[in-house]
């Protein structure tokens, strides 16, 4: 009798009840109520999640998708050098510059 009643239920409920051994109709009814309650909660949560309203809005899985890498264009400006001003370097005498401070190599 329980098997006949269980076969008439929704597919979702039958799928979840299939692995359970039900002795009487009250267990079947209780299991069906619990599953329906869980499905109702699940539907309620799905409706509460904000869905995009227009085609321009989109949900992204991660930041790489949101901000794709763009090819960077490097522009170099050539500046013509005007006549050299000796007035700028007059503040620091040449003897005060230490060669140890002027190492070649990466700046870091």
Protein backbone atom coordinates (compact mmCIF):
# COMPACT_ATOMS: atom_id res chain seq x y z
CA UNK A 1 0.00 0.00 0.00
CA UNK A 2 2.82 2.40 0.92
CA UNK A 3 4.65 1.60 -2.34
CA UNK A 4 1.52 2.36 -4.36
CA UNK A 5 1.02 5.68 -2.60
CA UNK A 6 4.69 6.59 -3.03
CA UNK A 7 4.54 5.93 -6.77
CA UNK A 8 1.82 8.58 -7.13
CA UNK A 9 3.97 11.39 -5.64
CA UNK A 10 5.99 14.03 -7.49
CA UNK A 11 9.28 12.94 -9.03
CA UNK A 12 11.35 15.10 -6.63
CA UNK A 13 9.67 13.56 -3.61
CA UNK A 14 9.89 10.01 -5.02
CA UNK A 15 13.59 10.50 -5.75
CA UNK A 16 14.33 11.48 -2.15
CA UNK A 17 12.08 8.85 -0.57
CA UNK A 18 13.39 6.01 -2.77
CA UNK A 19 16.31 5.21 -0.44
CA UNK A 20 14.16 5.23 2.72
CA UNK A 21 12.35 2.17 4.05
CA UNK A 22 8.85 3.32 5.01
CA UNK A 23 6.76 1.11 7.27
CA UNK A 24 3.42 2.90 7.17
CA UNK A 25 1.54 5.78 5.55
CA UNK A 26 2.28 8.23 8.37
CA UNK A 27 6.03 7.97 7.71
CA UNK A 28 5.40 8.50 4.01
CA UNK A 29 3.23 11.55 4.69
CA UNK A 30 5.78 13.03 7.12
CA UNK A 31 8.65 12.54 4.66
CA UNK A 32 6.62 14.09 1.83
CA UNK A 33 5.77 17.13 4.02
CA UNK A 34 9.43 17.65 4.96
CA UNK A 35 10.54 17.48 1.34
CA UNK A 36 7.80 19.88 0.21
CA UNK A 37 8.81 22.28 2.99
CA UNK A 38 12.46 22.14 1.90
CA UNK A 39 11.49 22.72 -1.74
CA UNK A 40 9.36 25.73 -0.74
CA UNK A 41 12.30 27.20 1.22
CA UNK A 42 14.60 26.63 -1.72
CA UNK A 43 12.20 28.41 -4.10
CA UNK A 44 11.82 31.29 -1.65
CA UNK A 45 15.60 31.73 -1.46
CA UNK A 46 15.89 31.68 -5.26
CA UNK A 47 13.31 34.46 -5.53
CA UNK A 48 15.05 36.59 -2.90
CA UNK A 49 18.34 36.65 -4.86
CA UNK A 50 18.55 39.80 -6.98
CA UNK A 51 18.37 38.98 -10.67
CA UNK A 52 19.69 41.33 -13.36
CA UNK A 53 16.98 43.57 -14.78
CA UNK A 54 18.51 44.48 -18.12
CA UNK A 55 20.85 42.85 -20.55
CA UNK A 56 23.63 45.26 -19.63
CA UNK A 57 23.89 43.97 -16.07
CA UNK A 58 25.74 40.71 -15.65
CA UNK A 59 26.92 38.52 -12.82
CA UNK A 60 30.58 37.52 -12.92
CA UNK A 61 32.20 34.42 -11.49
CA UNK A 62 35.43 36.19 -10.60
CA UNK A 63 37.36 39.42 -11.05
CA UNK A 64 39.26 38.15 -14.09
CA UNK A 65 36.00 37.90 -15.95
CA UNK A 66 34.84 41.29 -14.73
CA UNK A 67 38.05 43.15 -15.57
CA UNK A 68 39.58 41.48 -18.62
CA UNK A 69 43.21 42.21 -19.39
CA UNK A 70 43.56 44.88 -22.03
CA UNK A 71 46.51 45.41 -24.31
CA UNK A 72 48.51 48.28 -22.98
CA UNK A 73 49.72 50.92 -25.39
CA UNK A 74 52.94 52.54 -24.33
CA UNK A 75 53.57 56.02 -25.57
CA UNK A 76 56.96 57.61 -25.38
CA UNK A 77 57.23 61.33 -25.76
CA UNK A 78 60.44 62.69 -27.18
CA UNK A 79 61.46 65.97 -25.67
CA UNK A 80 64.06 68.08 -27.33
CA UNK A 81 66.68 69.19 -24.93
CA UNK A 82 67.19 72.87 -24.67
CA UNK A 83 70.54 74.34 -23.89
CA UNK A 84 71.94 72.96 -20.68
CA UNK A 85 71.50 75.11 -17.59
CA UNK A 86 74.55 75.09 -15.36
CA UNK A 87 72.60 76.99 -12.73
CA UNK A 88 70.75 73.84 -11.60
CA UNK A 89 73.85 71.83 -10.62
CA UNK A 90 75.65 74.70 -8.95
CA UNK A 91 73.91 73.90 -5.65
CA UNK A 92 75.73 70.57 -5.17
CA UNK A 93 79.49 70.46 -5.69
CA UNK A 94 80.85 67.42 -7.58
CA UNK A 95 82.93 66.30 -4.58
CA UNK A 96 79.77 65.72 -2.46
CA UNK A 97 78.37 63.03 -4.79
CA UNK A 98 79.35 59.54 -3.60
CA UNK A 99 79.79 56.84 -6.24
CA UNK A 100 78.47 54.19 -3.84
CA UNK A 101 75.06 55.83 -4.01
CA UNK A 102 75.06 55.72 -7.83
CA UNK A 103 75.05 51.94 -8.30
CA UNK A 104 73.91 50.56 -11.61
CA UNK A 105 71.18 47.96 -11.54
CA UNK A 106 67.49 47.66 -10.87
CA UNK A 107 65.92 50.46 -8.84
CA UNK A 108 64.52 48.14 -6.18
